[in-house]
Amino acid sequence: MSLSFTYLPYADTGYFSQLVVDYLNGTNDLKEFYTYTPDKDGLEQAIADRKNFPIDRKVLTDTLRKQYEALPKYEAVDKNIELLAKDTTYTVCTAHQPNLMTGYLYFIYKIVHAIKLAEELKAAHPENDFVPVYYMGSEDNDLDELGTFRYEDKKFVWDANGQTGAVGRMDTKSLKPLLAELFKLLGPPGNNLEEVKQLLEEAYLKHNNISDATQHLVHQLFGRFGLVVLNPDETSFKKSIIPIIKDDLLQQTAVGIVTNTIDKLDVHYKVQAHPRPINLFYLHNQLRERIEKTGDSWHVVNTDITWSEQELMAEVDTHPERFSPNVILRGLFQETILPNVAFIGGGAEVAYWLQLKALFTQFHVFYPAILLRQSALWINSHAAKTRKQSGLSIADIFQKELALVKNYVLNNSEDDWQTSEETKTIEQTIDQLKQKAVSLDPTLRSSADAVLAKIKHQLQVMEKKMYRAEKRKMQTQLARIAKLKKILFPNDGLQERADNFLPYYLQQGSNYFTILKEATRPLDNTFLIIEESMD
Protein backbone atom coordinates (compact mmCIF):
# COMPACT_ATOMS: atom_id res chain seq x y z
CA MET A 1 0.00 0.00 0.00
CA SER A 2 1.30 3.45 -0.94
CA LEU A 3 0.20 6.82 0.39
CA SER A 4 -0.18 10.16 -1.33
CA PHE A 5 -0.42 13.54 0.41
CA THR A 6 -2.38 16.59 -0.69
CA TYR A 7 -2.50 19.99 1.02
CA LEU A 8 -5.45 22.34 0.50
CA PRO A 9 -5.90 25.92 1.74
CA TYR A 10 -8.40 25.95 4.59
CA ALA A 11 -10.58 28.48 2.75
CA ASP A 12 -11.05 25.95 -0.09
CA THR A 13 -12.57 23.31 2.18
CA GLY A 14 -15.64 25.27 3.33
CA TYR A 15 -15.34 23.91 6.87
CA PHE A 16 -13.66 26.83 8.66
CA SER A 17 -15.05 30.08 9.99
CA GLN A 18 -14.39 33.40 8.32
CA LEU A 19 -12.46 34.52 11.40
CA VAL A 20 -10.03 31.60 11.10
CA VAL A 21 -9.58 32.10 7.36
CA ASP A 22 -9.01 35.83 7.81
CA TYR A 23 -6.54 35.20 10.63
CA LEU A 24 -4.47 32.85 8.49
CA ASN A 25 -4.59 35.35 5.62
CA GLY A 26 -3.40 38.22 7.83
CA THR A 27 -6.52 40.36 7.39
CA ASN A 28 -6.05 43.87 8.81
CA ASP A 29 -9.27 43.65 10.85
CA LEU A 30 -7.63 41.09 13.15
CA LYS A 31 -4.07 42.34 13.52
CA GLU A 32 -4.69 44.16 16.81
CA PHE A 33 -5.87 40.92 18.43
CA TYR A 34 -2.61 38.97 18.27
CA THR A 35 1.11 39.59 18.69
CA TYR A 36 2.83 37.08 16.39
CA THR A 37 1.87 35.94 12.92
CA PRO A 38 1.28 32.15 12.59
CA ASP A 39 4.35 31.59 10.42
CA LYS A 40 8.14 31.32 10.51
CA ASP A 41 8.68 35.05 11.08
CA GLY A 42 6.13 35.16 13.88
CA LEU A 43 7.74 32.19 15.64
CA GLU A 44 11.19 33.76 15.39
CA GLN A 45 9.94 36.92 17.07
CA ALA A 46 8.09 34.94 19.74
CA ILE A 47 11.29 33.03 20.59
CA ALA A 48 13.24 36.28 20.83
CA ASP A 49 10.63 37.90 23.10
CA ARG A 50 9.92 34.91 25.34
CA LYS A 51 13.21 35.30 27.23
CA ASN A 52 11.78 38.48 28.77
CA PHE A 53 9.08 36.46 30.54
CA PRO A 54 10.84 34.02 32.90
CA ILE A 55 8.96 31.23 34.67
CA ASP A 56 9.75 29.13 37.75
CA ARG A 57 11.54 26.28 36.00
CA LYS A 58 12.31 24.46 39.23
CA VAL A 59 8.63 24.17 40.09
CA LEU A 60 7.92 23.02 36.54
CA THR A 61 10.59 20.31 36.40
CA ASP A 62 10.08 19.12 40.00
CA THR A 63 6.33 18.75 39.45
CA LEU A 64 6.79 16.96 36.14
CA ARG A 65 9.29 14.53 37.66
CA LYS A 66 6.75 13.74 40.36
CA GLN A 67 4.00 13.20 37.78
CA TYR A 68 6.25 10.85 35.80
CA GLU A 69 7.54 8.74 38.69
CA ALA A 70 5.25 5.78 38.02
CA LEU A 71 5.24 5.96 34.23
CA PRO A 72 7.28 3.77 31.86
CA LYS A 73 10.60 5.33 30.94
CA TYR A 74 11.21 6.99 27.60
CA GLU A 75 14.64 8.51 27.19
CA ALA A 76 13.30 11.30 24.97
CA VAL A 77 10.77 12.37 27.62
CA ASP A 78 13.29 12.25 30.49
CA LYS A 79 15.71 14.31 28.43
CA ASN A 80 13.06 16.92 27.62
CA ILE A 81 12.04 17.31 31.26
CA GLU A 82 15.68 17.91 32.16
CA LEU A 83 16.02 20.40 29.29
CA LEU A 84 13.12 22.42 30.72
CA ALA A 85 15.40 23.45 33.58
CA LYS A 86 17.48 25.47 31.09
CA ASP A 87 16.62 29.06 30.22
CA THR A 88 17.27 28.29 26.55
CA THR A 89 14.51 25.69 26.37
CA TYR A 90 11.01 26.62 25.26
CA THR A 91 7.79 24.69 24.85
CA VAL A 92 5.33 24.16 22.01
CA CYS A 93 2.01 23.50 23.65
CA THR A 94 -1.35 22.09 22.75
CA ALA A 95 -4.20 21.59 25.19
CA HIS A 96 -7.19 19.28 25.39
CA GLN A 97 -9.44 17.63 27.92
CA PRO A 98 -8.77 14.01 28.94
CA ASN A 99 -11.33 12.52 26.55
CA LEU A 100 -11.96 8.81 26.99
CA MET A 101 -9.78 6.81 24.57
CA THR A 102 -8.57 10.26 23.36
CA GLY A 103 -12.05 11.05 21.99
CA TYR A 104 -11.84 12.18 18.38
CA LEU A 105 -8.98 12.36 15.90
CA TYR A 106 -8.28 16.05 16.36
CA PHE A 107 -6.91 15.17 19.81
CA ILE A 108 -4.22 13.18 18.00
CA TYR A 109 -3.64 15.79 15.31
CA LYS A 110 -3.02 18.53 17.89
CA ILE A 111 -0.32 16.51 19.59
CA VAL A 112 1.35 15.45 16.34
CA HIS A 113 1.40 19.09 15.24
CA ALA A 114 3.14 20.13 18.48
CA ILE A 115 5.74 17.37 18.13
CA LYS A 116 6.52 18.25 14.51
CA LEU A 117 6.72 21.98 15.17
CA ALA A 118 9.12 21.43 18.08
CA GLU A 119 11.35 19.39 15.76
CA GLU A 120 11.31 22.06 13.04
CA LEU A 121 12.03 24.87 15.50
CA LYS A 122 15.01 22.95 16.87
CA ALA A 123 16.37 22.54 13.35
CA ALA A 124 15.91 26.24 12.66
CA HIS A 125 17.25 27.38 16.05
CA PRO A 126 19.89 24.85 17.15
CA GLU A 127 21.04 27.16 19.96
CA ASN A 128 17.68 26.53 21.69
CA ASP A 129 15.69 23.45 22.63
CA PHE A 130 11.96 22.99 22.09
CA VAL A 131 9.78 20.57 24.04
CA PRO A 132 6.32 19.51 22.80
CA VAL A 133 3.77 19.60 25.64
CA TYR A 134 0.26 18.23 25.92
CA TYR A 135 -1.44 20.37 28.57
CA MET A 136 -4.24 18.20 29.93
CA GLY A 137 -7.52 19.96 30.70
CA SER A 138 -8.05 17.63 33.62
CA GLU A 139 -10.32 20.03 35.52
CA ASP A 140 -13.04 20.09 32.86
CA ASN A 141 -16.35 18.71 34.14
CA ASP A 142 -18.21 18.14 30.86
CA LEU A 143 -18.65 14.38 31.16
CA ASP A 144 -21.19 14.32 28.31
CA GLU A 145 -18.36 15.27 25.95
CA LEU A 146 -15.35 13.72 27.65
CA GLY A 147 -17.00 10.38 28.41
CA THR A 148 -18.06 9.70 24.81
CA PHE A 149 -16.21 8.22 21.84
CA ARG A 150 -16.99 6.19 18.72
CA TYR A 151 -15.48 3.02 17.39
CA GLU A 152 -16.58 2.27 13.85
CA ASP A 153 -20.34 3.02 13.91
CA LYS A 154 -20.93 2.41 17.60
CA LYS A 155 -21.11 5.20 20.16
CA PHE A 156 -19.69 4.43 23.60
CA VAL A 157 -20.86 6.47 26.59
CA TRP A 158 -19.46 6.30 30.13
CA ASP A 159 -21.79 7.52 32.87
CA ALA A 160 -18.94 7.47 35.46
CA ASN A 161 -21.19 5.60 37.87
CA GLY A 162 -22.75 8.86 39.03
CA GLN A 163 -19.51 10.70 39.74
CA THR A 164 -19.48 14.49 39.45
CA GLY A 165 -16.90 17.26 39.41
CA ALA A 166 -13.67 17.36 37.41
CA VAL A 167 -13.51 14.45 34.98
CA GLY A 168 -9.76 14.13 35.47
CA ARG A 169 -10.32 13.24 39.12
CA MET A 170 -12.97 10.60 38.43
CA ASP A 171 -12.35 7.02 39.48
CA THR A 172 -11.82 4.56 36.60
CA LYS A 173 -13.22 1.38 38.23
CA SER A 174 -16.58 1.60 36.45
CA LEU A 175 -14.86 1.58 33.04
CA LYS A 176 -14.31 -2.18 33.09
CA PRO A 177 -17.67 -3.14 31.48
CA LEU A 178 -17.24 -0.48 28.78
CA LEU A 179 -13.79 -1.79 27.91
CA ALA A 180 -15.11 -5.34 27.75
CA GLU A 181 -17.81 -4.20 25.33
CA LEU A 182 -15.25 -2.37 23.20
CA PHE A 183 -12.88 -5.34 23.11
CA LYS A 184 -15.63 -7.54 21.63
CA LEU A 185 -15.69 -5.28 18.56
CA LEU A 186 -11.99 -4.54 18.12
CA GLY A 187 -10.23 -6.15 15.23
CA PRO A 188 -8.82 -7.59 13.07
CA PRO A 189 -6.84 -10.12 15.16
CA GLY A 190 -3.09 -9.71 15.29
CA ASN A 191 -0.26 -8.03 17.09
CA ASN A 192 -1.80 -4.57 16.85
CA LEU A 193 -5.02 -5.79 18.45
CA GLU A 194 -3.23 -7.35 21.40
CA GLU A 195 -1.09 -4.25 21.78
CA VAL A 196 -4.17 -1.99 21.85
CA LYS A 197 -5.97 -4.15 24.42
CA GLN A 198 -2.95 -4.19 26.69
CA LEU A 199 -2.47 -0.45 26.28
CA LEU A 200 -6.07 0.39 27.18
CA GLU A 201 -6.20 -2.06 30.09
CA GLU A 202 -3.01 -0.66 31.59
CA ALA A 203 -4.21 2.90 31.16
CA TYR A 204 -7.77 2.63 32.43
CA LEU A 205 -7.80 -0.38 34.75
CA LYS A 206 -4.44 0.09 36.48
CA HIS A 207 -4.76 3.79 37.29
CA ASN A 208 -7.02 5.33 39.88
CA ASN A 209 -8.33 8.32 37.95
CA ILE A 210 -8.90 9.61 34.43
CA SER A 211 -5.99 12.08 34.56
CA ASP A 212 -3.46 9.38 35.38
CA ALA A 213 -5.03 7.01 32.85
CA THR A 214 -4.90 9.63 30.09
CA GLN A 215 -1.33 10.58 30.91
CA HIS A 216 -0.31 6.92 30.71
CA LEU A 217 -2.13 6.38 27.41
CA VAL A 218 -0.76 9.50 25.73
CA HIS A 219 2.70 8.82 27.14
CA GLN A 220 2.72 5.32 25.66
CA LEU A 221 1.50 6.57 22.29
CA PHE A 222 3.86 9.55 21.97
CA GLY A 223 6.65 9.11 24.53
CA ARG A 224 9.12 8.01 21.87
CA PHE A 225 8.76 11.47 20.31
CA GLY A 226 9.60 13.20 23.60
CA LEU A 227 6.08 14.54 24.24
CA VAL A 228 5.65 15.79 27.81
CA VAL A 229 2.16 15.41 29.30
CA LEU A 230 1.41 18.04 31.93
CA ASN A 231 -1.49 17.84 34.39
CA PRO A 232 -2.05 21.39 35.75
CA ASP A 233 -4.20 20.16 38.67
CA GLU A 234 -1.36 20.68 41.15
CA THR A 235 -0.95 22.94 44.17
CA SER A 236 2.57 23.85 43.05
CA PHE A 237 1.27 25.16 39.73
CA LYS A 238 -1.76 26.96 41.16
CA LYS A 239 0.46 28.92 43.56
CA SER A 240 1.95 30.72 40.55
CA ILE A 241 -1.38 32.35 39.70
CA ILE A 242 -2.57 33.32 43.18
CA PRO A 243 -2.41 37.03 42.23
CA ILE A 244 -4.59 36.38 39.16
CA ILE A 245 -7.05 34.31 41.22
CA LYS A 246 -7.35 37.07 43.82
CA ASP A 247 -7.77 39.76 41.18
CA ASP A 248 -10.60 37.85 39.53
CA LEU A 249 -12.36 37.32 42.85
CA LEU A 250 -11.92 40.88 44.16
CA GLN A 251 -11.34 43.25 41.25
CA GLN A 252 -12.94 41.26 38.42
CA THR A 253 -10.57 42.82 35.92
CA ALA A 254 -10.88 40.13 33.27
CA VAL A 255 -14.56 40.62 32.46
CA GLY A 256 -14.12 44.28 31.52
CA ILE A 257 -11.00 43.77 29.42
CA VAL A 258 -12.31 40.76 27.49
CA THR A 259 -15.74 42.31 26.99
CA ASN A 260 -14.09 45.35 25.43
CA THR A 261 -12.20 43.08 23.01
CA ILE A 262 -15.38 41.16 22.23
CA ASP A 263 -17.17 44.39 21.33
CA LYS A 264 -14.47 45.08 18.74
CA LEU A 265 -14.40 41.55 17.32
CA ASP A 266 -18.18 41.32 17.24
CA VAL A 267 -18.32 43.96 14.50
CA HIS A 268 -17.12 41.41 11.92
CA TYR A 269 -17.05 37.97 13.59
CA LYS A 270 -18.93 35.56 15.80
CA VAL A 271 -17.60 35.60 19.36
CA GLN A 272 -16.43 32.25 20.71
CA ALA A 273 -16.38 32.67 24.53
CA HIS A 274 -17.94 35.15 26.92
CA PRO A 275 -16.41 36.13 30.28
CA ARG A 276 -18.24 36.13 33.59
CA PRO A 277 -17.71 38.58 36.44
CA ILE A 278 -15.81 35.74 38.14
CA ASN A 279 -14.07 33.24 35.83
CA LEU A 280 -13.22 30.61 38.42
CA PHE A 281 -14.70 27.33 39.58
CA TYR A 282 -14.36 25.93 43.07
CA LEU A 283 -12.77 22.51 42.76
CA HIS A 284 -12.92 20.12 45.71
CA ASN A 285 -13.42 16.34 45.80
CA GLN A 286 -16.37 15.66 43.44
CA LEU A 287 -17.32 19.32 43.22
CA ARG A 288 -16.56 21.82 40.44
CA GLU A 289 -19.00 24.72 40.49
CA ARG A 290 -18.84 28.39 39.62
CA ILE A 291 -18.03 31.05 42.20
CA GLU A 292 -20.30 34.10 42.35
CA LYS A 293 -20.33 37.26 44.44
CA THR A 294 -23.48 38.62 46.09
CA GLY A 295 -23.12 41.78 48.13
CA ASP A 296 -20.13 41.41 50.43
CA SER A 297 -19.91 37.63 50.27
CA TRP A 298 -18.85 34.96 47.78
CA HIS A 299 -20.56 31.62 47.34
CA VAL A 300 -20.24 28.41 45.31
CA VAL A 301 -23.22 27.87 43.03
CA ASN A 302 -25.50 24.94 43.96
CA THR A 303 -23.87 24.56 47.40
CA ASP A 304 -24.02 26.20 50.82
CA ILE A 305 -20.33 27.18 50.70
CA THR A 306 -19.86 30.91 51.38
CA TRP A 307 -16.98 33.20 52.39
CA SER A 308 -16.36 36.71 53.55
CA GLU A 309 -13.51 38.51 51.81
CA GLN A 310 -11.05 37.63 54.57
CA GLU A 311 -12.13 33.98 54.58
CA LEU A 312 -11.91 33.76 50.79
CA MET A 313 -8.41 35.21 50.63
CA ALA A 314 -7.31 32.77 53.33
CA GLU A 315 -8.80 29.90 51.30
CA VAL A 316 -6.88 31.02 48.19
CA ASP A 317 -3.60 31.25 50.11
CA THR A 318 -4.09 27.91 51.84
CA HIS A 319 -5.68 25.91 48.99
CA PRO A 320 -4.97 27.52 45.60
CA GLU A 321 -5.51 24.08 44.01
CA ARG A 322 -9.23 24.48 44.76
CA PHE A 323 -9.61 27.34 42.30
CA SER A 324 -10.00 26.26 38.69
CA PRO A 325 -9.77 28.77 35.80
CA ASN A 326 -12.43 28.75 33.13
CA VAL A 327 -11.70 29.26 29.43
CA ILE A 328 -11.03 32.99 29.93
CA LEU A 329 -8.25 32.47 32.51
CA ARG A 330 -6.93 29.06 31.47
CA GLY A 331 -4.49 30.48 28.95
CA LEU A 332 -3.00 32.84 31.54
CA PHE A 333 -2.42 29.83 33.81
CA GLN A 334 -0.82 27.81 31.02
CA GLU A 335 1.56 30.58 29.97
CA THR A 336 2.51 31.33 33.58
CA ILE A 337 3.84 27.82 34.24
CA LEU A 338 5.29 26.99 30.80
CA PRO A 339 8.08 28.72 28.80
CA ASN A 340 5.80 28.59 25.80
CA VAL A 341 6.39 30.18 22.40
CA ALA A 342 3.49 28.66 20.44
CA PHE A 343 0.03 27.40 21.25
CA ILE A 344 -1.66 25.00 18.82
CA GLY A 345 -5.44 24.78 18.82
CA GLY A 346 -8.48 24.10 16.71
CA GLY A 347 -10.61 26.77 15.06
CA ALA A 348 -12.66 27.50 18.18
CA GLU A 349 -9.52 27.78 20.28
CA VAL A 350 -7.88 30.18 17.84
CA ALA A 351 -11.06 32.28 17.97
CA TYR A 352 -11.19 32.60 21.75
CA TRP A 353 -7.44 33.18 22.09
CA LEU A 354 -7.87 36.23 19.84
CA GLN A 355 -10.17 37.62 22.55
CA LEU A 356 -7.47 37.43 25.22
CA LYS A 357 -4.41 39.41 24.11
CA ALA A 358 -5.27 42.51 26.18
CA LEU A 359 -5.78 40.30 29.23
CA PHE A 360 -2.25 38.93 28.92
CA THR A 361 -0.92 42.46 28.63
CA GLN A 362 -2.79 43.48 31.79
CA PHE A 363 -1.19 40.70 33.85
CA HIS A 364 2.26 40.90 32.18
CA VAL A 365 2.01 37.30 30.92
CA PHE A 366 3.57 36.23 27.62
CA TYR A 367 1.05 35.93 24.78
CA PRO A 368 2.34 33.18 22.44
CA ALA A 369 2.07 32.66 18.71
CA ILE A 370 -1.33 31.09 18.02
CA LEU A 371 -1.36 28.35 15.38
CA LEU A 372 -4.27 26.48 13.88
CA ARG A 373 -3.63 22.76 14.22
CA GLN A 374 -3.34 20.94 10.93
CA SER A 375 -6.58 19.17 10.13
CA ALA A 376 -6.40 15.90 8.25
CA LEU A 377 -8.59 13.57 6.22
CA TRP A 378 -7.60 9.93 5.76
CA ILE A 379 -8.99 8.32 2.62
CA ASN A 380 -8.69 4.54 2.70
CA SER A 381 -8.02 2.53 -0.46
CA HIS A 382 -11.69 1.62 -0.97
CA ALA A 383 -12.80 5.26 -0.72
CA ALA A 384 -9.90 6.30 -2.95
CA LYS A 385 -11.05 3.86 -5.64
CA THR A 386 -14.62 5.21 -5.39
CA ARG A 387 -13.36 8.79 -5.68
CA LYS A 388 -11.44 8.01 -8.84
CA GLN A 389 -14.32 6.03 -10.35
CA SER A 390 -16.58 9.03 -9.77
CA GLY A 391 -14.15 11.36 -11.49
CA LEU A 392 -13.78 13.54 -8.40
CA SER A 393 -10.62 15.41 -7.50
CA ILE A 394 -9.37 15.73 -3.94
CA ALA A 395 -10.72 19.29 -3.81
CA ASP A 396 -14.09 18.15 -5.21
CA ILE A 397 -14.87 15.85 -2.29
CA PHE A 398 -15.08 18.82 0.09
CA GLN A 399 -18.12 20.14 -1.81
CA LYS A 400 -21.59 19.52 -0.45
CA GLU A 401 -23.25 16.36 -1.74
CA LEU A 402 -25.97 18.26 -3.63
CA ALA A 403 -23.34 20.21 -5.54
CA LEU A 404 -21.36 17.06 -6.32
CA VAL A 405 -24.45 15.27 -7.60
CA LYS A 406 -25.50 18.17 -9.82
CA ASN A 407 -22.00 18.56 -11.26
CA TYR A 408 -21.80 14.83 -11.92
CA VAL A 409 -25.13 14.84 -13.76
CA LEU A 410 -24.08 17.92 -15.73
CA ASN A 411 -20.76 16.42 -16.77
CA ASN A 412 -22.01 12.92 -17.56
CA SER A 413 -25.42 13.38 -19.19
CA GLU A 414 -25.81 12.19 -22.74
CA ASP A 415 -28.90 14.41 -23.15
CA ASP A 416 -29.16 18.16 -22.60
CA TRP A 417 -31.75 18.55 -19.83
CA GLN A 418 -31.09 22.20 -18.98
CA THR A 419 -33.46 24.90 -20.22
CA SER A 420 -31.24 27.96 -19.94
CA GLU A 421 -30.94 28.49 -23.70
CA GLU A 422 -34.66 27.98 -24.24
CA THR A 423 -35.46 30.35 -21.40
CA LYS A 424 -33.18 32.99 -22.90
CA THR A 425 -34.88 32.64 -26.31
CA ILE A 426 -38.34 32.86 -24.79
CA GLU A 427 -37.36 35.89 -22.72
CA GLN A 428 -36.22 37.64 -25.89
CA THR A 429 -39.46 36.75 -27.69
CA ILE A 430 -41.62 37.86 -24.76
CA ASP A 431 -39.64 41.08 -24.50
CA GLN A 432 -40.35 41.81 -28.16
CA LEU A 433 -44.05 41.07 -27.61
CA LYS A 434 -44.01 43.25 -24.49
CA GLN A 435 -42.61 46.18 -26.45
CA LYS A 436 -45.38 45.79 -29.03
CA ALA A 437 -48.04 45.58 -26.33
CA VAL A 438 -46.72 48.54 -24.36
CA SER A 439 -46.56 50.70 -27.51
CA LEU A 440 -50.26 49.99 -27.98
CA ASP A 441 -51.24 50.33 -24.32
CA PRO A 442 -48.70 51.06 -21.48
CA THR A 443 -50.94 49.32 -18.95
CA LEU A 444 -50.19 45.95 -20.64
CA ARG A 445 -46.60 45.96 -19.28
CA SER A 446 -47.57 44.17 -16.07
CA SER A 447 -49.56 41.55 -18.04
CA ALA A 448 -46.54 40.84 -20.21
CA ASP A 449 -44.29 40.53 -17.17
CA ALA A 450 -46.74 38.12 -15.56
CA VAL A 451 -46.77 35.94 -18.71
CA LEU A 452 -42.97 35.82 -18.73
CA ALA A 453 -42.78 34.92 -15.03
CA LYS A 454 -45.33 32.13 -15.50
CA ILE A 455 -43.47 30.69 -18.47
CA LYS A 456 -40.10 30.83 -16.65
CA HIS A 457 -41.64 29.06 -13.68
CA GLN A 458 -43.03 26.29 -15.87
CA LEU A 459 -39.66 25.90 -17.58
CA GLN A 460 -37.98 25.56 -14.16
CA VAL A 461 -40.53 22.91 -13.18
CA MET A 462 -39.84 21.05 -16.41
CA GLU A 463 -36.06 21.32 -15.90
CA LYS A 464 -36.35 19.86 -12.39
CA LYS A 465 -38.36 16.92 -13.75
CA MET A 466 -35.79 16.27 -16.48
CA TYR A 467 -32.98 16.58 -13.90
CA ARG A 468 -34.66 13.97 -11.67
CA ALA A 469 -35.11 11.70 -14.66
CA GLU A 470 -31.44 12.05 -15.54
CA LYS A 471 -30.49 11.30 -11.91
CA ARG A 472 -32.54 8.10 -12.01
CA LYS A 473 -30.50 6.91 -14.98
CA MET A 474 -27.33 7.49 -12.93
CA GLN A 475 -28.62 6.03 -9.68
CA THR A 476 -25.71 3.64 -9.19
CA GLN A 477 -23.05 6.28 -9.78
CA LEU A 478 -24.76 8.86 -7.57
CA ALA A 479 -25.22 6.32 -4.77
CA ARG A 480 -21.47 5.80 -4.91
CA ILE A 481 -20.91 9.53 -4.39
CA ALA A 482 -23.34 9.61 -1.48
CA LYS A 483 -21.58 6.67 0.16
CA LEU A 484 -18.20 8.33 -0.33
CA LYS A 485 -19.40 11.53 1.33
CA LYS A 486 -20.88 9.59 4.24
CA ILE A 487 -17.58 7.76 4.84
CA LEU A 488 -15.31 10.79 4.56
CA PHE A 489 -17.62 13.42 6.04
CA PRO A 490 -19.85 11.75 8.68
CA ASN A 491 -23.03 13.74 9.28
CA ASP A 492 -21.67 16.28 6.79
CA GLY A 493 -18.87 17.12 9.22
CA LEU A 494 -15.14 16.56 9.26
CA GLN A 495 -13.85 13.02 9.77
CA GLU A 496 -11.61 14.24 12.60
CA ARG A 497 -14.72 15.17 14.62
CA ALA A 498 -16.28 11.71 14.35
CA ASP A 499 -13.56 9.05 14.16
CA ASN A 500 -11.31 7.72 16.91
CA PHE A 501 -7.66 6.75 16.40
CA LEU A 502 -8.26 3.07 17.21
CA PRO A 503 -9.18 1.78 13.70
CA TYR A 504 -6.10 3.46 12.24
CA TYR A 505 -3.82 2.13 14.96
CA LEU A 506 -5.24 -1.38 14.55
CA GLN A 507 -4.37 -1.22 10.86
CA GLN A 508 -1.05 0.64 10.98
CA GLY A 509 0.25 0.11 14.50
CA SER A 510 2.49 2.79 15.95
CA ASN A 511 3.56 3.62 12.38
CA TYR A 512 0.26 5.51 12.11
CA PHE A 513 1.69 8.34 14.22
CA THR A 514 4.95 8.31 12.27
CA ILE A 515 3.00 8.75 9.03
CA LEU A 516 1.04 11.64 10.48
CA LYS A 517 4.15 13.32 11.84
CA GLU A 518 6.07 13.06 8.59
CA ALA A 519 3.09 14.40 6.61
CA THR A 520 2.34 17.31 8.96
CA ARG A 521 3.48 20.75 7.82
CA PRO A 522 3.13 22.81 11.01
CA LEU A 523 3.62 26.25 9.45
CA ASP A 524 1.89 25.75 6.08
CA ASN A 525 -1.65 26.48 7.34
CA THR A 526 -3.16 23.85 5.05
CA PHE A 527 -5.56 20.93 5.32
CA LEU A 528 -3.80 17.57 4.96
CA ILE A 529 -5.38 14.75 2.92
CA ILE A 530 -3.78 11.30 3.14
CA GLU A 531 -4.96 8.83 0.51
CA GLU A 532 -4.22 5.14 0.35
CA SER A 533 -3.59 3.35 -2.91
CA MET A 534 -3.29 -0.36 -3.64
CA ASP A 535 -1.20 0.32 -6.77
Foldseek 3Di string as FASTA:
>chain_A
DDKDKDWFFPVLLPFFDPVVSCLLVVPPLQVVLADARLFDVRLVVLLVPLLVQDAPLVLVLVVLCVLCVPADDAPLQVVLSVLSSDSQEAEEEEEDELADLLAFQVSLLQQLLRLLVQVVVCVVPVVGHYAYEYEYPQQDFPQQRRQWHDDDHDIDGDPLVPFAGGQQARFLCVCVVVLVVVLVPDDDDDDLSVVVNVLQCCLRVVDGGSNSSSQNNVCVLCVNSNYRYDYCLDQSLLVLCLVVQLCLVPVLVLQVLLVVLCVSVVVPDDAQDHDDSHFKWFGDDRDTFDWDDDDQKIAGPPDPDIDGSVRVSVCCVVCSSRIGGHPQCPVVSVQNNGSHAEYEDASSNVRNSSSHPVVCVVVVGRRHHYFYRAAEFEAEAVLVVLCVVLVHDPSRLSDDLVVSLVVSLVVPPPDDLACPVVLVVVVVVLVVVLVVVCVVPVVCNVVSVVVSVVVVVVNVVSSVVVSVVSCVVVVVSSVSSVVSSCVQAPVNHHSSNHHRCSVVCNVVPSVSSVVSSVSDDSSPNTHMYMYDHPD
